[in-house]
Amino acid sequence: MTGANLSNANLQDADLSRVDLSGGNLTGANLSGAYLMDVNFSHELFGDMRWDKNTNWEDVEGLETAKNLPAALEKLLGE
């Protein structure tokens, strides 16, 4: 899914484990409860997106090169 435009996508409770989302667009996406273990977010475009305490960010990669990473998410993940 490299370069996928997932802006405003409803990915609530989706299992995206081990998916390569590098270079994609998640602006406005709903990631509430999504399982994101080992997802590659290199050069990903973030923005006004949603997540919650049930969103699993375990071992995600590439956030250091992501664009517009929300401050709250940056704090949560210790980036």
N, C-alpha and C. Protein backbone atom coordinates (compact mmCIF):
# COMPACT_ATOMS: atom_id res chain seq x y z
N MET A 1 0.83 -1.19 0.00
CA MET A 1 0.00 0.00 0.00
C MET A 1 0.87 1.25 0.00
N THR A 2 2.09 1.12 -0.48
CA THR A 2 3.00 2.26 -0.56
C THR A 2 2.35 3.37 -1.38
N GLY A 3 2.35 4.59 -0.82
CA GLY A 3 1.81 5.75 -1.51
C GLY A 3 0.30 5.82 -1.56
N ALA A 4 -0.39 4.99 -0.81
CA ALA A 4 -1.87 4.97 -0.85
C ALA A 4 -2.46 6.25 -0.27
N ASN A 5 -3.51 6.73 -0.90
CA ASN A 5 -4.24 7.88 -0.39
C ASN A 5 -5.38 7.36 0.48
N LEU A 6 -5.18 7.40 1.78
CA LEU A 6 -6.18 6.93 2.74
C LEU A 6 -6.76 8.11 3.51
N SER A 7 -6.71 9.29 2.91
CA SER A 7 -7.25 10.47 3.58
C SER A 7 -8.75 10.28 3.81
N ASN A 8 -9.16 10.59 5.01
CA ASN A 8 -10.56 10.46 5.46
C ASN A 8 -11.08 9.02 5.45
N ALA A 9 -10.20 8.04 5.35
CA ALA A 9 -10.62 6.64 5.37
C ALA A 9 -11.04 6.23 6.77
N ASN A 10 -12.05 5.38 6.85
CA ASN A 10 -12.46 4.82 8.13
C ASN A 10 -11.74 3.48 8.30
N LEU A 11 -10.67 3.50 9.07
CA LEU A 11 -9.87 2.30 9.32
C LEU A 11 -10.05 1.83 10.75
N GLN A 12 -11.18 2.21 11.33
CA GLN A 12 -11.47 1.84 12.71
C GLN A 12 -11.45 0.32 12.86
N ASP A 13 -10.70 -0.15 13.85
CA ASP A 13 -10.56 -1.57 14.18
C ASP A 13 -9.92 -2.40 13.06
N ALA A 14 -9.30 -1.77 12.08
CA ALA A 14 -8.66 -2.51 10.98
C ALA A 14 -7.34 -3.13 11.44
N ASP A 15 -7.02 -4.30 10.91
CA ASP A 15 -5.74 -4.95 11.18
C ASP A 15 -4.81 -4.60 10.02
N LEU A 16 -3.93 -3.64 10.26
CA LEU A 16 -2.97 -3.21 9.24
C LEU A 16 -1.56 -3.67 9.59
N SER A 17 -1.45 -4.69 10.43
CA SER A 17 -0.13 -5.14 10.86
C SER A 17 0.74 -5.51 9.66
N ARG A 18 2.00 -5.06 9.75
CA ARG A 18 3.03 -5.34 8.77
C ARG A 18 2.76 -4.76 7.38
N VAL A 19 1.91 -3.75 7.29
CA VAL A 19 1.61 -3.10 6.02
C VAL A 19 2.62 -1.98 5.78
N ASP A 20 3.06 -1.82 4.56
CA ASP A 20 3.95 -0.71 4.20
C ASP A 20 3.10 0.44 3.69
N LEU A 21 2.92 1.46 4.55
CA LEU A 21 2.14 2.64 4.18
C LEU A 21 3.04 3.81 3.85
N SER A 22 4.33 3.56 3.62
CA SER A 22 5.27 4.65 3.37
C SER A 22 4.83 5.50 2.18
N GLY A 23 4.98 6.80 2.35
CA GLY A 23 4.64 7.74 1.30
C GLY A 23 3.15 7.95 1.11
N GLY A 24 2.35 7.42 2.01
CA GLY A 24 0.90 7.55 1.89
C GLY A 24 0.34 8.79 2.55
N ASN A 25 -0.97 8.89 2.57
CA ASN A 25 -1.67 10.03 3.13
C ASN A 25 -2.75 9.53 4.08
N LEU A 26 -2.62 9.84 5.37
CA LEU A 26 -3.62 9.47 6.37
C LEU A 26 -4.34 10.69 6.94
N THR A 27 -4.28 11.80 6.24
CA THR A 27 -4.94 13.01 6.72
C THR A 27 -6.43 12.76 6.90
N GLY A 28 -6.92 13.01 8.11
CA GLY A 28 -8.34 12.84 8.40
C GLY A 28 -8.80 11.42 8.60
N ALA A 29 -7.89 10.44 8.56
CA ALA A 29 -8.27 9.03 8.71
C ALA A 29 -8.67 8.72 10.16
N ASN A 30 -9.53 7.73 10.31
CA ASN A 30 -9.94 7.26 11.63
C ASN A 30 -9.21 5.95 11.90
N LEU A 31 -8.26 5.98 12.84
CA LEU A 31 -7.48 4.80 13.21
C LEU A 31 -7.87 4.29 14.60
N SER A 32 -9.03 4.67 15.07
CA SER A 32 -9.48 4.24 16.40
C SER A 32 -9.54 2.72 16.46
N GLY A 33 -8.82 2.16 17.43
CA GLY A 33 -8.82 0.72 17.62
C GLY A 33 -8.06 -0.07 16.58
N ALA A 34 -7.37 0.59 15.66
CA ALA A 34 -6.63 -0.12 14.60
C ALA A 34 -5.41 -0.82 15.18
N TYR A 35 -5.04 -1.92 14.55
CA TYR A 35 -3.87 -2.71 14.94
C TYR A 35 -2.77 -2.39 13.93
N LEU A 36 -1.76 -1.63 14.38
CA LEU A 36 -0.73 -1.10 13.49
C LEU A 36 0.66 -1.68 13.75
N MET A 37 0.73 -2.86 14.32
CA MET A 37 2.02 -3.44 14.67
C MET A 37 2.90 -3.61 13.44
N ASP A 38 4.14 -3.10 13.54
CA ASP A 38 5.15 -3.21 12.48
C ASP A 38 4.78 -2.49 11.18
N VAL A 39 3.91 -1.49 11.25
CA VAL A 39 3.57 -0.71 10.04
C VAL A 39 4.70 0.27 9.74
N ASN A 40 5.00 0.46 8.47
CA ASN A 40 6.01 1.42 8.03
C ASN A 40 5.31 2.71 7.63
N PHE A 41 5.59 3.77 8.39
CA PHE A 41 4.99 5.08 8.13
C PHE A 41 5.99 6.07 7.54
N SER A 42 7.09 5.61 6.94
CA SER A 42 8.10 6.51 6.38
C SER A 42 7.48 7.48 5.38
N HIS A 43 7.78 8.73 5.55
CA HIS A 43 7.33 9.80 4.64
C HIS A 43 5.81 9.87 4.52
N GLU A 44 5.12 9.34 5.51
CA GLU A 44 3.65 9.37 5.55
C GLU A 44 3.19 10.80 5.83
N LEU A 45 2.08 11.20 5.26
CA LEU A 45 1.47 12.49 5.53
C LEU A 45 0.34 12.29 6.53
N PHE A 46 0.54 12.82 7.72
CA PHE A 46 -0.49 12.77 8.75
C PHE A 46 -1.19 14.12 8.78
N GLY A 47 -2.18 14.25 9.58
CA GLY A 47 -2.89 15.51 9.75
C GLY A 47 -3.98 15.31 10.77
N ASP A 48 -5.12 15.83 10.50
CA ASP A 48 -6.25 15.77 11.43
C ASP A 48 -6.83 14.36 11.42
N MET A 49 -6.15 13.45 12.12
CA MET A 49 -6.59 12.07 12.15
C MET A 49 -7.03 11.70 13.56
N ARG A 50 -7.70 10.57 13.68
CA ARG A 50 -8.20 10.13 14.98
C ARG A 50 -7.62 8.77 15.35
N TRP A 51 -7.38 8.61 16.63
CA TRP A 51 -6.97 7.33 17.20
C TRP A 51 -7.45 7.35 18.63
N ASP A 52 -7.38 6.22 19.30
CA ASP A 52 -7.81 6.17 20.69
C ASP A 52 -6.88 5.25 21.49
N LYS A 53 -7.23 5.02 22.75
CA LYS A 53 -6.37 4.21 23.61
C LYS A 53 -6.27 2.77 23.13
N ASN A 54 -7.17 2.34 22.27
CA ASN A 54 -7.15 0.97 21.76
C ASN A 54 -6.35 0.82 20.46
N THR A 55 -5.87 1.92 19.91
CA THR A 55 -5.04 1.85 18.72
C THR A 55 -3.68 1.30 19.12
N ASN A 56 -3.23 0.25 18.45
CA ASN A 56 -1.97 -0.41 18.78
C ASN A 56 -0.87 0.11 17.87
N TRP A 57 0.07 0.86 18.46
CA TRP A 57 1.19 1.45 17.72
C TRP A 57 2.48 0.66 17.93
N GLU A 58 2.41 -0.60 18.33
CA GLU A 58 3.57 -1.39 18.69
C GLU A 58 4.54 -1.57 17.51
N ASP A 59 5.79 -1.20 17.75
CA ASP A 59 6.88 -1.40 16.78
C ASP A 59 6.65 -0.74 15.42
N VAL A 60 5.91 0.38 15.37
CA VAL A 60 5.75 1.08 14.09
C VAL A 60 7.11 1.67 13.68
N GLU A 61 7.30 1.84 12.40
CA GLU A 61 8.56 2.32 11.86
C GLU A 61 8.37 3.59 11.06
N GLY A 62 9.42 4.38 10.94
CA GLY A 62 9.45 5.50 10.03
C GLY A 62 8.81 6.79 10.49
N LEU A 63 8.35 6.86 11.72
CA LEU A 63 7.68 8.09 12.18
C LEU A 63 8.63 9.28 12.21
N GLU A 64 9.94 9.03 12.30
CA GLU A 64 10.89 10.13 12.31
C GLU A 64 10.92 10.89 10.99
N THR A 65 10.41 10.30 9.92
CA THR A 65 10.35 10.99 8.63
C THR A 65 8.93 11.35 8.21
N ALA A 66 7.96 11.06 9.07
CA ALA A 66 6.57 11.39 8.76
C ALA A 66 6.36 12.90 8.78
N LYS A 67 5.38 13.36 8.03
CA LYS A 67 5.08 14.79 7.95
C LYS A 67 3.76 15.08 8.68
N ASN A 68 3.73 16.20 9.41
CA ASN A 68 2.54 16.65 10.14
C ASN A 68 2.05 15.64 11.18
N LEU A 69 2.99 14.97 11.84
CA LEU A 69 2.63 14.05 12.90
C LEU A 69 1.98 14.86 14.02
N PRO A 70 0.74 14.53 14.40
CA PRO A 70 0.08 15.29 15.45
C PRO A 70 0.90 15.28 16.74
N ALA A 71 0.97 16.43 17.41
CA ALA A 71 1.79 16.58 18.62
C ALA A 71 1.39 15.57 19.69
N ALA A 72 0.11 15.31 19.85
CA ALA A 72 -0.35 14.36 20.87
C ALA A 72 0.14 12.95 20.56
N LEU A 73 0.18 12.59 19.28
CA LEU A 73 0.67 11.28 18.89
C LEU A 73 2.19 11.20 19.07
N GLU A 74 2.85 12.27 18.73
CA GLU A 74 4.30 12.35 18.91
C GLU A 74 4.65 12.15 20.39
N LYS A 75 3.90 12.78 21.26
CA LYS A 75 4.12 12.64 22.71
C LYS A 75 3.82 11.20 23.16
N LEU A 76 2.74 10.65 22.69
CA LEU A 76 2.35 9.28 23.06
C LEU A 76 3.43 8.27 22.69
N LEU A 77 4.00 8.44 21.51
CA LEU A 77 4.99 7.48 21.00
C LEU A 77 6.42 7.84 21.38
N GLY A 78 6.59 8.98 22.05
CA GLY A 78 7.92 9.38 22.48
C GLY A 78 8.84 9.76 21.37
N GLU A 79 8.30 10.26 20.28
CA GLU A 79 9.13 10.66 19.12
C GLU A 79 9.75 12.01 19.35
